[in-house]
């Protein structure tokens, strides 16, 4: 989250860690003594794993300066691409008060900003003089105003830190994202969505899929229409039985006629039309339930000699989708009457 710098510096946990692990002879923004065991030592070691995914804690957390009272001049990341004690090590050695604030070193007066340095000796060698000139040039445009300094997290547009978003960022490192990603829907049971997930990859045991695996079957024709070879795309998209169901679904959900070429198009249908986010999620859930019910009647036809009936499938889609969505979406006010009219969520 966006954290007030003052709160972070004065926090009890921070003061305890600093008192135990800080070494004045080896300054570090995240100190950890090797000789001191404990959980903090293990936490600091995670920094090595972050380096492997190009996450440098010196750079991902920055400070927005306002009055400069709660930001440490040398130790915090506020002026450049890292803490000043690392960018200007020779000057840092000469600094008397290593934990001084920005307001201690930058003074705003009637004539503008001036520097208030406190060095351990007045004479500078060439490298120290060069660093001082560079530092003053870098800070020349800095202005201090009223208000509290704030920390900001790089990998969030609002500057807020969230563990979930950071885990997602790390998991995506060097990961190739496929052109299409299956979208799950928590308003239907997982087993329902798995049927669609397997269908889109042609992993359902259709007659063609079984035949291609050298499994002996009586024929390769569709169990619902009997006219074409039974593949996943045929069962759920091209089959006349399925097309009748999709036409009814379009009329019921008050969307344009469903004209698609494969299962992937069906699964992206909810994102094409207008409506609220909830309504689109409902349509997506209904598509998943339809695929589930078509596959169920197909199996009943193959193994139970059931006669495919569109009316039975449509009734099952409407009732099952209503029960799942009503309870899983926690929309207690969703009534059966409004559901049948598809009058919901705006």
C-alpha atoms as a PDB file:
ATOM      1  CA  UNK A   1       0.000   0.000   0.000  1.00  0.00           C
ATOM      2  CA  UNK A   2       1.041   3.651  -0.124  1.00  0.00           C
ATOM      3  CA  UNK A   3       2.748   4.040   3.257  1.00  0.00           C
ATOM      4  CA  UNK A   4       3.501   7.220   5.110  1.00  0.00           C
ATOM      5  CA  UNK A   5       7.299   7.330   5.451  1.00  0.00           C
ATOM      6  CA  UNK A   6       7.052   8.670   8.966  1.00  0.00           C
ATOM      7  CA  UNK A   7       5.055   5.623  10.090  1.00  0.00           C
ATOM      8  CA  UNK A   8       7.555   3.246   8.458  1.00  0.00           C
ATOM      9  CA  UNK A   9      10.594   4.844  10.086  1.00  0.00           C
ATOM     10  CA  UNK A  10       9.109   4.942  13.567  1.00  0.00           C
ATOM     11  CA  UNK A  11       7.521   1.514  13.505  1.00  0.00           C
ATOM     12  CA  UNK A  12       8.505  -0.744  16.381  1.00  0.00           C
ATOM     13  CA  UNK A  13       9.438  -3.661  14.123  1.00  0.00           C
ATOM     14  CA  UNK A  14      11.739  -1.430  12.084  1.00  0.00           C
ATOM     15  CA  UNK A  15      13.505  -0.057  15.147  1.00  0.00           C
ATOM     16  CA  UNK A  16      14.053  -3.569  16.535  1.00  0.00           C
ATOM     17  CA  UNK A  17      15.521  -4.883  13.275  1.00  0.00           C
ATOM     18  CA  UNK A  18      17.719  -1.813  12.902  1.00  0.00           C
ATOM     19  CA  UNK A  19      19.016  -2.078  16.473  1.00  0.00           C
ATOM     20  CA  UNK A  20      19.885  -5.768  16.083  1.00  0.00           C
ATOM     21  CA  UNK A  21      21.233  -5.926  12.541  1.00  0.00           C
ATOM     22  CA  UNK A  22      22.539  -2.466  11.686  1.00  0.00           C
ATOM     23  CA  UNK A  23      26.327  -2.096  11.531  1.00  0.00           C
ATOM     24  CA  UNK A  24      27.735   1.432  11.270  1.00  0.00           C
ATOM     25  CA  UNK A  25      30.766   0.076   9.415  1.00  0.00           C
ATOM     26  CA  UNK A  26      28.674  -1.573   6.687  1.00  0.00           C
ATOM     27  CA  UNK A  27      25.651   0.528   5.829  1.00  0.00           C
ATOM     28  CA  UNK A  28      22.722  -1.167   4.134  1.00  0.00           C
ATOM     29  CA  UNK A  29      19.156  -0.112   3.472  1.00  0.00           C
ATOM     30  CA  UNK A  30      18.073  -3.632   4.554  1.00  0.00           C
ATOM     31  CA  UNK A  31      20.616  -4.688   7.214  1.00  0.00           C
ATOM     32  CA  UNK A  32      21.155  -8.308   8.234  1.00  0.00           C
ATOM     33  CA  UNK A  33      24.007  -9.684  10.310  1.00  0.00           C
ATOM     34  CA  UNK A  34      25.111 -13.153   9.250  1.00  0.00           C
ATOM     35  CA  UNK A  35      26.000 -14.024  12.852  1.00  0.00           C
ATOM     36  CA  UNK A  36      22.455 -13.322  14.095  1.00  0.00           C
ATOM     37  CA  UNK A  37      20.017 -16.177  13.315  1.00  0.00           C
ATOM     38  CA  UNK A  38      16.274 -15.761  13.112  1.00  0.00           C
ATOM     39  CA  UNK A  39      13.379 -15.156  10.729  1.00  0.00           C
ATOM     40  CA  UNK A  40      14.634 -11.730   9.608  1.00  0.00           C
ATOM     41  CA  UNK A  41      17.791 -13.312   8.200  1.00  0.00           C
ATOM     42  CA  UNK A  42      15.640 -15.705   6.140  1.00  0.00           C
ATOM     43  CA  UNK A  43      13.462 -12.852   4.929  1.00  0.00           C
ATOM     44  CA  UNK A  44      16.475 -10.871   3.745  1.00  0.00           C
ATOM     45  CA  UNK A  45      17.771 -13.884   1.808  1.00  0.00           C
ATOM     46  CA  UNK A  46      14.659 -13.680  -0.369  1.00  0.00           C
ATOM     47  CA  UNK A  47      16.297 -10.635  -1.893  1.00  0.00           C
ATOM     48  CA  UNK A  48      18.601 -12.963  -3.846  1.00  0.00           C
ATOM     49  CA  UNK A  49      15.574 -14.657  -5.402  1.00  0.00           C
ATOM     50  CA  UNK A  50      14.191 -11.255  -6.350  1.00  0.00           C
ATOM     51  CA  UNK A  51      17.431 -10.412  -8.117  1.00  0.00           C
ATOM     52  CA  UNK A  52      16.884 -13.471 -10.307  1.00  0.00           C
ATOM     53  CA  UNK A  53      13.645 -11.945 -11.616  1.00  0.00           C
ATOM     54  CA  UNK A  54      15.172  -8.469 -12.050  1.00  0.00           C
ATOM     55  CA  UNK A  55      13.539  -6.970  -8.963  1.00  0.00           C
ATOM     56  CA  UNK A  56      15.909  -4.588  -7.183  1.00  0.00           C
ATOM     57  CA  UNK A  57      14.428  -3.379  -3.907  1.00  0.00           C
ATOM     58  CA  UNK A  58      16.588  -0.259  -4.130  1.00  0.00           C
ATOM     59  CA  UNK A  59      14.656   0.717  -7.242  1.00  0.00           C
ATOM     60  CA  UNK A  60      11.124  -0.662  -6.856  1.00  0.00           C
ATOM     61  CA  UNK A  61      10.371   1.384  -3.716  1.00  0.00           C
ATOM     62  CA  UNK A  62      10.789   5.127  -4.092  1.00  0.00           C
ATOM     63  CA  UNK A  63       9.864   8.131  -1.986  1.00  0.00           C
ATOM     64  CA  UNK A  64       7.884  11.159  -3.086  1.00  0.00           C
ATOM     65  CA  UNK A  65       9.377  14.159  -1.325  1.00  0.00           C
ATOM     66  CA  UNK A  66       7.207  16.928   0.099  1.00  0.00           C
ATOM     67  CA  UNK A  67       8.680  18.405   3.301  1.00  0.00           C
ATOM     68  CA  UNK A  68      11.635  16.008   3.477  1.00  0.00           C
ATOM     69  CA  UNK A  69      11.345  15.582   7.247  1.00  0.00           C
ATOM     70  CA  UNK A  70      10.805  11.809   7.287  1.00  0.00           C
ATOM     71  CA  UNK A  71      13.019  10.752   4.383  1.00  0.00           C
ATOM     72  CA  UNK A  72      16.646   9.906   5.062  1.00  0.00           C
ATOM     73  CA  UNK A  73      18.886  11.872   2.731  1.00  0.00           C
ATOM     74  CA  UNK A  74      21.511   9.175   2.114  1.00  0.00           C
ATOM     75  CA  UNK A  75      19.711   5.916   2.856  1.00  0.00           C
ATOM     76  CA  UNK A  76      16.319   6.270   1.138  1.00  0.00           C
ATOM     77  CA  UNK A  77      15.623   6.053  -2.584  1.00  0.00           C
ATOM     78  CA  UNK A  78      14.192   9.485  -3.391  1.00  0.00           C
ATOM     79  CA  UNK A  79      16.441  11.501  -5.725  1.00  0.00           C
ATOM     80  CA  UNK A  80      17.784   9.130  -8.371  1.00  0.00           C
ATOM     81  CA  UNK A  81      17.749   5.486  -9.376  1.00  0.00           C
ATOM     82  CA  UNK A  82      18.964   4.360  -5.964  1.00  0.00           C
ATOM     83  CA  UNK A  83      20.010   5.515  -2.495  1.00  0.00           C
ATOM     84  CA  UNK A  84      22.561   8.336  -2.515  1.00  0.00           C
ATOM     85  CA  UNK A  85      24.960   6.468  -0.237  1.00  0.00           C
ATOM     86  CA  UNK A  86      25.497   3.978  -3.076  1.00  0.00           C
ATOM     87  CA  UNK A  87      25.714   6.592  -5.823  1.00  0.00           C
ATOM     88  CA  UNK A  88      28.133   8.846  -3.920  1.00  0.00           C
ATOM     89  CA  UNK A  89      30.108   6.530  -1.597  1.00  0.00           C
ATOM     90  CA  UNK A  90      33.034   8.941  -1.049  1.00  0.00           C
ATOM     91  CA  UNK A  91      30.750  11.711   0.149  1.00  0.00           C
ATOM     92  CA  UNK A  92      28.850   9.316   2.376  1.00  0.00           C
ATOM     93  CA  UNK A  93      32.075   8.426   4.177  1.00  0.00           C
ATOM     94  CA  UNK A  94      32.562  12.111   4.968  1.00  0.00           C
ATOM     95  CA  UNK A  95      29.015  12.602   6.233  1.00  0.00           C
ATOM     96  CA  UNK A  96      28.904  13.100  10.028  1.00  0.00           C
ATOM     97  CA  UNK A  97      25.224  12.262  10.500  1.00  0.00           C
ATOM     98  CA  UNK A  98      24.563   9.265   8.271  1.00  0.00           C
ATOM     99  CA  UNK A  99      20.832   9.087   9.078  1.00  0.00           C
ATOM    100  CA  UNK A 100      20.098  12.757   8.432  1.00  0.00           C
ATOM    101  CA  UNK A 101      16.869  13.688   6.698  1.00  0.00           C
ATOM    102  CA  UNK A 102      16.403  15.453   3.388  1.00  0.00           C
ATOM    103  CA  UNK A 103      15.214  18.544   5.268  1.00  0.00           C
ATOM    104  CA  UNK A 104      18.474  18.527   7.248  1.00  0.00           C
ATOM    105  CA  UNK A 105      20.562  18.912   4.088  1.00  0.00           C
ATOM    106  CA  UNK A 106      18.250  20.922   1.820  1.00  0.00           C
ATOM    107  CA  UNK A 107      17.100  24.251   3.222  1.00  0.00           C
ATOM    108  CA  UNK A 108      14.448  26.329   1.503  1.00  0.00           C
ATOM    109  CA  UNK A 109      14.898  30.064   1.998  1.00  0.00           C
ATOM    110  CA  UNK A 110      13.710  33.320   0.460  1.00  0.00           C
ATOM    111  CA  UNK A 111      16.411  33.047  -2.195  1.00  0.00           C
ATOM    112  CA  UNK A 112      15.610  29.439  -3.042  1.00  0.00           C
ATOM    113  CA  UNK A 113      17.224  26.209  -1.962  1.00  0.00           C
ATOM    114  CA  UNK A 114      20.639  25.953  -0.320  1.00  0.00           C
ATOM    115  CA  UNK A 115      22.736  23.031   0.927  1.00  0.00           C
ATOM    116  CA  UNK A 116      23.510  22.450   4.582  1.00  0.00           C
ATOM    117  CA  UNK A 117      26.422  20.007   4.519  1.00  0.00           C
ATOM    118  CA  UNK A 118      28.150  18.546   7.568  1.00  0.00           C
ATOM    119  CA  UNK A 119      31.430  16.940   6.571  1.00  0.00           C
ATOM    120  CA  UNK A 120      33.995  15.314   8.844  1.00  0.00           C
ATOM    121  CA  UNK A 121      36.798  17.406   7.251  1.00  0.00           C
ATOM    122  CA  UNK A 122      36.811  20.554   5.089  1.00  0.00           C
ATOM    123  CA  UNK A 123      39.355  19.470   2.464  1.00  0.00           C
ATOM    124  CA  UNK A 124      38.182  17.319  -0.453  1.00  0.00           C
ATOM    125  CA  UNK A 125      40.280  15.292  -2.855  1.00  0.00           C
ATOM    126  CA  UNK A 126      39.521  15.207  -6.583  1.00  0.00           C
ATOM    127  CA  UNK A 127      37.055  12.272  -6.498  1.00  0.00           C
ATOM    128  CA  UNK A 128      35.183  13.734  -3.551  1.00  0.00           C
ATOM    129  CA  UNK A 129      34.972  17.158  -5.177  1.00  0.00           C
ATOM    130  CA  UNK A 130      33.699  15.555  -8.397  1.00  0.00           C
ATOM    131  CA  UNK A 131      30.976  13.663  -6.515  1.00  0.00           C
ATOM    132  CA  UNK A 132      29.914  16.802  -4.643  1.00  0.00           C
ATOM    133  CA  UNK A 133      29.571  18.784  -7.836  1.00  0.00           C
ATOM    134  CA  UNK A 134      27.543  16.013  -9.435  1.00  0.00           C
ATOM    135  CA  UNK A 135      25.308  15.664  -6.380  1.00  0.00           C
ATOM    136  CA  UNK A 136      24.563  19.383  -6.177  1.00  0.00           C
ATOM    137  CA  UNK A 137      23.760  19.446  -9.891  1.00  0.00           C
ATOM    138  CA  UNK A 138      21.339  16.512  -9.471  1.00  0.00           C
ATOM    139  CA  UNK A 139      19.547  18.158  -6.533  1.00  0.00           C
ATOM    140  CA  UNK A 140      19.439  21.675  -7.925  1.00  0.00           C
ATOM    141  CA  UNK A 141      15.818  21.400  -9.081  1.00  0.00           C
ATOM    142  CA  UNK A 142      14.524  19.818  -5.837  1.00  0.00           C
ATOM    143  CA  UNK A 143      11.816  21.772  -4.006  1.00  0.00           C
ATOM    144  CA  UNK A 144      10.458  21.124  -0.533  1.00  0.00           C
ATOM    145  CA  UNK A 145       6.840  21.914   0.264  1.00  0.00           C
ATOM    146  CA  UNK A 146       4.359  21.153   3.039  1.00  0.00           C
ATOM    147  CA  UNK A 147       2.921  17.702   3.567  1.00  0.00           C
ATOM    148  CA  UNK A 148       4.127  14.214   4.443  1.00  0.00           C
ATOM    149  CA  UNK A 149       6.594  12.203   2.369  1.00  0.00           C
ATOM    150  CA  UNK A 150       5.170   9.031   0.842  1.00  0.00           C
ATOM    151  CA  UNK A 151       6.598   5.750  -0.347  1.00  0.00           C
ATOM    152  CA  UNK A 152       5.527   4.365  -3.712  1.00  0.00           C
ATOM    153  CA  UNK A 153       5.686   0.829  -5.173  1.00  0.00           C
ATOM    154  CA  UNK A 154       6.895   0.700  -8.783  1.00  0.00           C
ATOM    155  CA  UNK A 155       4.770  -2.218 -10.030  1.00  0.00           C
ATOM    156  CA  UNK A 156       1.401  -0.613  -9.361  1.00  0.00           C
ATOM    157  CA  UNK A 157      -0.182   2.381 -11.092  1.00  0.00           C
ATOM    158  CA  UNK A 158      -1.476   3.692  -7.761  1.00  0.00           C
ATOM    159  CA  UNK A 159       1.848   3.086  -6.022  1.00  0.00           C
ATOM    160  CA  UNK A 160       0.284   0.543  -3.681  1.00  0.00           C
ATOM    161  CA  UNK A 161       1.988  -2.682  -2.651  1.00  0.00           C
ATOM    162  CA  UNK A 162      -0.061  -5.883  -2.668  1.00  0.00           C
ATOM    163  CA  UNK A 163       1.356  -9.342  -2.102  1.00  0.00           C
ATOM    164  CA  UNK A 164      -1.032 -10.837  -4.669  1.00  0.00           C
ATOM    165  CA  UNK A 165      -0.010  -8.430  -7.443  1.00  0.00           C
ATOM    166  CA  UNK A 166       3.683  -8.924  -6.664  1.00  0.00           C
ATOM    167  CA  UNK A 167       3.308 -12.726  -6.769  1.00  0.00           C
ATOM    168  CA  UNK A 168       1.566 -12.374 -10.120  1.00  0.00           C
ATOM    169  CA  UNK A 169       4.394 -10.198 -11.439  1.00  0.00           C
ATOM    170  CA  UNK A 170       7.038 -12.722 -10.359  1.00  0.00           C
ATOM    171  CA  UNK A 171       5.117 -15.668 -11.818  1.00  0.00           C
ATOM    172  CA  UNK A 172       4.952 -13.915 -15.209  1.00  0.00           C
ATOM    173  CA  UNK A 173       8.737 -13.376 -15.405  1.00  0.00           C
ATOM    174  CA  UNK A 174      10.163 -14.948 -18.581  1.00  0.00           C
ATOM    175  CA  UNK A 175       6.825 -16.630 -19.134  1.00  0.00           C
ATOM    176  CA  UNK A 176       5.342 -16.759 -22.609  1.00  0.00           C
ATOM    177  CA  UNK A 177       1.651 -15.962 -22.455  1.00  0.00           C
ATOM    178  CA  UNK A 178      -0.449 -17.976 -24.939  1.00  0.00           C
ATOM    179  CA  UNK A 179      -2.516 -16.098 -27.477  1.00  0.00           C
ATOM    180  CA  UNK A 180      -5.722 -17.322 -25.822  1.00  0.00           C
ATOM    181  CA  UNK A 181      -6.175 -18.121 -22.145  1.00  0.00           C
ATOM    182  CA  UNK A 182      -9.106 -20.131 -20.858  1.00  0.00           C
ATOM    183  CA  UNK A 183     -11.311 -18.006 -18.627  1.00  0.00           C
ATOM    184  CA  UNK A 184     -12.694 -19.744 -15.556  1.00  0.00           C
ATOM    185  CA  UNK A 185     -15.963 -18.736 -13.915  1.00  0.00           C
ATOM    186  CA  UNK A 186     -16.561 -19.268 -10.198  1.00  0.00           C
ATOM    187  CA  UNK A 187     -20.331 -18.998 -10.639  1.00  0.00           C
ATOM    188  CA  UNK A 188     -20.471 -22.570 -11.963  1.00  0.00           C
ATOM    189  CA  UNK A 189     -18.890 -25.722 -10.491  1.00  0.00           C
ATOM    190  CA  UNK A 190     -15.360 -26.481 -11.607  1.00  0.00           C
ATOM    191  CA  UNK A 191     -16.469 -29.748 -13.219  1.00  0.00           C
ATOM    192  CA  UNK A 192     -18.722 -27.771 -15.570  1.00  0.00           C
ATOM    193  CA  UNK A 193     -15.929 -25.490 -16.754  1.00  0.00           C
ATOM    194  CA  UNK A 194     -13.538 -28.431 -17.124  1.00  0.00           C
ATOM    195  CA  UNK A 195     -15.735 -29.884 -19.883  1.00  0.00           C
ATOM    196  CA  UNK A 196     -15.380 -26.650 -21.878  1.00  0.00           C
ATOM    197  CA  UNK A 197     -11.662 -26.494 -21.071  1.00  0.00           C
ATOM    198  CA  UNK A 198     -11.115 -30.005 -22.405  1.00  0.00           C
ATOM    199  CA  UNK A 199     -13.352 -29.383 -25.408  1.00  0.00           C
ATOM    200  CA  UNK A 200     -11.415 -26.314 -26.535  1.00  0.00           C
ATOM    201  CA  UNK A 201      -8.242 -28.426 -26.559  1.00  0.00           C
ATOM    202  CA  UNK A 202     -10.019 -31.351 -28.301  1.00  0.00           C
ATOM    203  CA  UNK A 203      -9.409 -33.520 -25.233  1.00  0.00           C
ATOM    204  CA  UNK A 204     -12.935 -34.870 -24.782  1.00  0.00           C
ATOM    205  CA  UNK A 205     -13.455 -38.551 -25.680  1.00  0.00           C
ATOM    206  CA  UNK A 206     -15.444 -37.864 -28.828  1.00  0.00           C
ATOM    207  CA  UNK A 207     -15.677 -40.606 -31.444  1.00  0.00           C
ATOM    208  CA  UNK A 208     -13.035 -38.983 -33.629  1.00  0.00           C
ATOM    209  CA  UNK A 209     -10.725 -38.454 -30.659  1.00  0.00           C
ATOM    210  CA  UNK A 210     -11.078 -42.094 -29.619  1.00  0.00           C
ATOM    211  CA  UNK A 211     -10.533 -43.315 -33.168  1.00  0.00           C
ATOM    212  CA  UNK A 212      -7.416 -41.169 -33.494  1.00  0.00           C
ATOM    213  CA  UNK A 213      -6.084 -42.926 -30.377  1.00  0.00           C
ATOM    214  CA  UNK A 214      -6.557 -46.312 -32.099  1.00  0.00           C
ATOM    215  CA  UNK A 215      -9.582 -47.206 -29.977  1.00  0.00           C
ATOM    216  CA  UNK A 216     -12.045 -49.345 -31.896  1.00  0.00           C
ATOM    217  CA  UNK A 217     -15.479 -47.691 -32.273  1.00  0.00           C
ATOM    218  CA  UNK A 218     -18.517 -48.595 -34.333  1.00  0.00           C
ATOM    219  CA  UNK A 219     -18.493 -45.383 -36.403  1.00  0.00           C
ATOM    220  CA  UNK A 220     -17.240 -41.799 -36.287  1.00  0.00           C
ATOM    221  CA  UNK A 221     -20.580 -40.069 -36.822  1.00  0.00           C
ATOM    222  CA  UNK A 222     -22.131 -37.605 -34.381  1.00  0.00           C
ATOM    223  CA  UNK A 223     -24.276 -39.194 -31.680  1.00  0.00           C
ATOM    224  CA  UNK A 224     -26.734 -36.271 -31.803  1.00  0.00           C
ATOM    225  CA  UNK A 225     -27.334 -35.718 -35.517  1.00  0.00           C
ATOM    226  CA  UNK A 226     -25.668 -38.731 -37.143  1.00  0.00           C
ATOM    227  CA  UNK A 227     -24.652 -36.757 -40.224  1.00  0.00           C
ATOM    228  CA  UNK A 228     -21.065 -35.643 -39.627  1.00  0.00           C
ATOM    229  CA  UNK A 229     -17.950 -36.844 -37.849  1.00  0.00           C
ATOM    230  CA  UNK A 230     -18.083 -36.288 -34.126  1.00  0.00           C
ATOM    231  CA  UNK A 231     -15.467 -33.768 -32.979  1.00  0.00           C
ATOM    232  CA  UNK A 232     -15.737 -31.275 -30.149  1.00  0.00           C
ATOM    233  CA  UNK A 233     -16.231 -28.359 -32.542  1.00  0.00           C
ATOM    234  CA  UNK A 234     -18.991 -30.267 -34.342  1.00  0.00           C
ATOM    235  CA  UNK A 235     -20.870 -31.339 -31.193  1.00  0.00           C
ATOM    236  CA  UNK A 236     -20.934 -27.872 -29.595  1.00  0.00           C
ATOM    237  CA  UNK A 237     -20.926 -25.578 -32.648  1.00  0.00           C
ATOM    238  CA  UNK A 238     -21.739 -27.112 -36.052  1.00  0.00           C
ATOM    239  CA  UNK A 239     -24.256 -29.786 -35.070  1.00  0.00           C
ATOM    240  CA  UNK A 240     -27.856 -28.831 -35.907  1.00  0.00           C
ATOM    241  CA  UNK A 241     -28.910 -29.971 -32.422  1.00  0.00           C
ATOM    242  CA  UNK A 242     -26.476 -27.522 -30.829  1.00  0.00           C
ATOM    243  CA  UNK A 243     -27.382 -24.696 -33.201  1.00  0.00           C
ATOM    244  CA  UNK A 244     -31.030 -24.896 -32.166  1.00  0.00           C
ATOM    245  CA  UNK A 245     -29.990 -24.595 -28.519  1.00  0.00           C
ATOM    246  CA  UNK A 246     -27.683 -21.637 -29.175  1.00  0.00           C
ATOM    247  CA  UNK A 247     -30.453 -19.838 -31.066  1.00  0.00           C
ATOM    248  CA  UNK A 248     -32.745 -20.213 -28.068  1.00  0.00           C
ATOM    249  CA  UNK A 249     -30.008 -19.034 -25.712  1.00  0.00           C
ATOM    250  CA  UNK A 250     -29.487 -15.904 -27.851  1.00  0.00           C
ATOM    251  CA  UNK A 251     -33.220 -15.093 -27.768  1.00  0.00           C
ATOM    252  CA  UNK A 252     -33.448 -15.727 -24.030  1.00  0.00           C
ATOM    253  CA  UNK A 253     -30.326 -13.688 -23.136  1.00  0.00           C
ATOM    254  CA  UNK A 254     -31.395 -10.868 -25.496  1.00  0.00           C
ATOM    255  CA  UNK A 255     -28.191 -10.945 -27.534  1.00  0.00           C
ATOM    256  CA  UNK A 256     -27.648 -11.079 -31.321  1.00  0.00           C
ATOM    257  CA  UNK A 257     -27.863 -14.480 -33.023  1.00  0.00           C
ATOM    258  CA  UNK A 258     -24.885 -16.638 -32.107  1.00  0.00           C
ATOM    259  CA  UNK A 259     -22.745 -17.177 -35.206  1.00  0.00           C
ATOM    260  CA  UNK A 260     -19.429 -18.774 -34.295  1.00  0.00           C
ATOM    261  CA  UNK A 261     -16.889 -21.026 -35.979  1.00  0.00           C
ATOM    262  CA  UNK A 262     -15.389 -22.923 -33.065  1.00  0.00           C
ATOM    263  CA  UNK A 263     -15.582 -23.413 -29.290  1.00  0.00           C
ATOM    264  CA  UNK A 264     -13.089 -20.626 -28.668  1.00  0.00           C
ATOM    265  CA  UNK A 265     -15.515 -18.166 -30.238  1.00  0.00           C
ATOM    266  CA  UNK A 266     -18.274 -19.425 -27.932  1.00  0.00           C
ATOM    267  CA  UNK A 267     -16.113 -18.865 -24.865  1.00  0.00           C
ATOM    268  CA  UNK A 268     -15.390 -15.276 -25.911  1.00  0.00           C
ATOM    269  CA  UNK A 269     -19.008 -14.474 -26.736  1.00  0.00           C
ATOM    270  CA  UNK A 270     -19.750 -12.736 -23.422  1.00  0.00           C
ATOM    271  CA  UNK A 271     -17.099 -10.079 -23.975  1.00  0.00           C
ATOM    272  CA  UNK A 272     -18.391  -8.847 -27.323  1.00  0.00           C
ATOM    273  CA  UNK A 273     -21.700  -7.245 -26.430  1.00  0.00           C
ATOM    274  CA  UNK A 274     -22.787  -4.389 -24.139  1.00  0.00           C
ATOM    275  CA  UNK A 275     -23.845  -4.783 -20.535  1.00  0.00           C
ATOM    276  CA  UNK A 276     -22.469  -4.707 -17.027  1.00  0.00           C
ATOM    277  CA  UNK A 277     -19.594  -6.864 -15.845  1.00  0.00           C
ATOM    278  CA  UNK A 278     -22.007  -9.050 -13.874  1.00  0.00           C
ATOM    279  CA  UNK A 279     -24.270  -9.584 -16.858  1.00  0.00           C
ATOM    280  CA  UNK A 280     -21.318 -10.616 -19.022  1.00  0.00           C
ATOM    281  CA  UNK A 281     -20.244 -13.067 -16.346  1.00  0.00           C
ATOM    282  CA  UNK A 282     -23.745 -14.543 -16.301  1.00  0.00           C
ATOM    283  CA  UNK A 283     -23.676 -15.066 -20.075  1.00  0.00           C
ATOM    284  CA  UNK A 284     -20.262 -16.687 -19.796  1.00  0.00           C
ATOM    285  CA  UNK A 285     -21.574 -19.001 -17.076  1.00  0.00           C
ATOM    286  CA  UNK A 286     -24.588 -19.915 -19.220  1.00  0.00           C
ATOM    287  CA  UNK A 287     -22.315 -20.797 -22.161  1.00  0.00           C
ATOM    288  CA  UNK A 288     -20.340 -23.139 -19.897  1.00  0.00           C
ATOM    289  CA  UNK A 289     -23.550 -24.755 -18.621  1.00  0.00           C
ATOM    290  CA  UNK A 290     -24.840 -25.231 -22.180  1.00  0.00           C
ATOM    291  CA  UNK A 291     -21.611 -26.995 -23.183  1.00  0.00           C
ATOM    292  CA  UNK A 292     -21.907 -29.166 -20.060  1.00  0.00           C
ATOM    293  CA  UNK A 293     -25.536 -30.085 -20.808  1.00  0.00           C
ATOM    294  CA  UNK A 294     -24.891 -30.845 -24.487  1.00  0.00           C
ATOM    295  CA  UNK A 295     -22.047 -33.162 -23.508  1.00  0.00           C
ATOM    296  CA  UNK A 296     -24.292 -34.777 -20.884  1.00  0.00           C
ATOM    297  CA  UNK A 297     -27.101 -35.506 -23.375  1.00  0.00           C
ATOM    298  CA  UNK A 298     -24.495 -36.812 -25.815  1.00  0.00           C
ATOM    299  CA  UNK A 299     -23.288 -39.307 -23.203  1.00  0.00           C
ATOM    300  CA  UNK A 300     -26.855 -40.272 -22.313  1.00  0.00           C
ATOM    301  CA  UNK A 301     -27.448 -40.950 -25.992  1.00  0.00           C
ATOM    302  CA  UNK A 302     -24.321 -43.093 -26.355  1.00  0.00           C
ATOM    303  CA  UNK A 303     -24.491 -45.060 -23.118  1.00  0.00           C
ATOM    304  CA  UNK A 304     -28.162 -44.898 -22.152  1.00  0.00           C
ATOM    305  CA  UNK A 305     -29.878 -44.901 -25.568  1.00  0.00           C
ATOM    306  CA  UNK A 306     -31.577 -41.614 -24.666  1.00  0.00           C
ATOM    307  CA  UNK A 307     -33.224 -39.683 -27.487  1.00  0.00           C
ATOM    308  CA  UNK A 308     -31.690 -36.178 -27.863  1.00  0.00           C
ATOM    309  CA  UNK A 309     -34.324 -33.599 -26.971  1.00  0.00           C
ATOM    310  CA  UNK A 310     -33.627 -29.867 -27.252  1.00  0.00           C
ATOM    311  CA  UNK A 311     -36.496 -28.908 -24.940  1.00  0.00           C
ATOM    312  CA  UNK A 312     -35.132 -31.129 -22.180  1.00  0.00           C
ATOM    313  CA  UNK A 313     -31.639 -29.689 -22.576  1.00  0.00           C
ATOM    314  CA  UNK A 314     -32.907 -26.093 -22.543  1.00  0.00           C
ATOM    315  CA  UNK A 315     -34.962 -26.671 -19.398  1.00  0.00           C
ATOM    316  CA  UNK A 316     -31.949 -28.247 -17.732  1.00  0.00           C
ATOM    317  CA  UNK A 317     -29.694 -25.325 -18.758  1.00  0.00           C
ATOM    318  CA  UNK A 318     -32.097 -22.749 -17.410  1.00  0.00           C
ATOM    319  CA  UNK A 319     -32.760 -24.485 -14.070  1.00  0.00           C
ATOM    320  CA  UNK A 320     -29.184 -25.574 -13.334  1.00  0.00           C
ATOM    321  CA  UNK A 321     -27.701 -22.221 -14.343  1.00  0.00           C
ATOM    322  CA  UNK A 322     -30.230 -20.424 -12.144  1.00  0.00           C
ATOM    323  CA  UNK A 323     -29.415 -22.493  -9.046  1.00  0.00           C
ATOM    324  CA  UNK A 324     -25.658 -22.234  -9.496  1.00  0.00           C
ATOM    325  CA  UNK A 325     -25.547 -18.530 -10.345  1.00  0.00           C
ATOM    326  CA  UNK A 326     -28.059 -17.492  -7.680  1.00  0.00           C
ATOM    327  CA  UNK A 327     -26.130 -19.253  -4.899  1.00  0.00           C
ATOM    328  CA  UNK A 328     -22.578 -18.722  -6.091  1.00  0.00           C
ATOM    329  CA  UNK A 329     -22.993 -15.052  -7.019  1.00  0.00           C
ATOM    330  CA  UNK A 330     -24.759 -14.372  -3.713  1.00  0.00           C
ATOM    331  CA  UNK A 331     -27.502 -12.507  -5.545  1.00  0.00           C
ATOM    332  CA  UNK A 332     -30.279 -13.381  -3.117  1.00  0.00           C
ATOM    333  CA  UNK A 333     -32.736 -11.070  -4.893  1.00  0.00           C
ATOM    334  CA  UNK A 334     -32.498 -12.997  -8.171  1.00  0.00           C
ATOM    335  CA  UNK A 335     -35.954 -14.538  -8.659  1.00  0.00           C
ATOM    336  CA  UNK A 336     -36.995 -17.310 -11.007  1.00  0.00           C
ATOM    337  CA  UNK A 337     -39.407 -14.945 -12.781  1.00  0.00           C
ATOM    338  CA  UNK A 338     -36.700 -12.378 -13.527  1.00  0.00           C
ATOM    339  CA  UNK A 339     -34.344 -15.164 -14.501  1.00  0.00           C
ATOM    340  CA  UNK A 340     -36.767 -16.568 -17.048  1.00  0.00           C
ATOM    341  CA  UNK A 341     -37.187 -13.068 -18.521  1.00  0.00           C
ATOM    342  CA  UNK A 342     -33.417 -12.512 -18.216  1.00  0.00           C
ATOM    343  CA  UNK A 343     -34.129  -9.289 -16.350  1.00  0.00           C
ATOM    344  CA  UNK A 344     -31.027  -9.035 -14.165  1.00  0.00           C
ATOM    345  CA  UNK A 345     -27.905  -7.024 -13.232  1.00  0.00           C
ATOM    346  CA  UNK A 346     -28.541  -4.270 -15.777  1.00  0.00           C
END
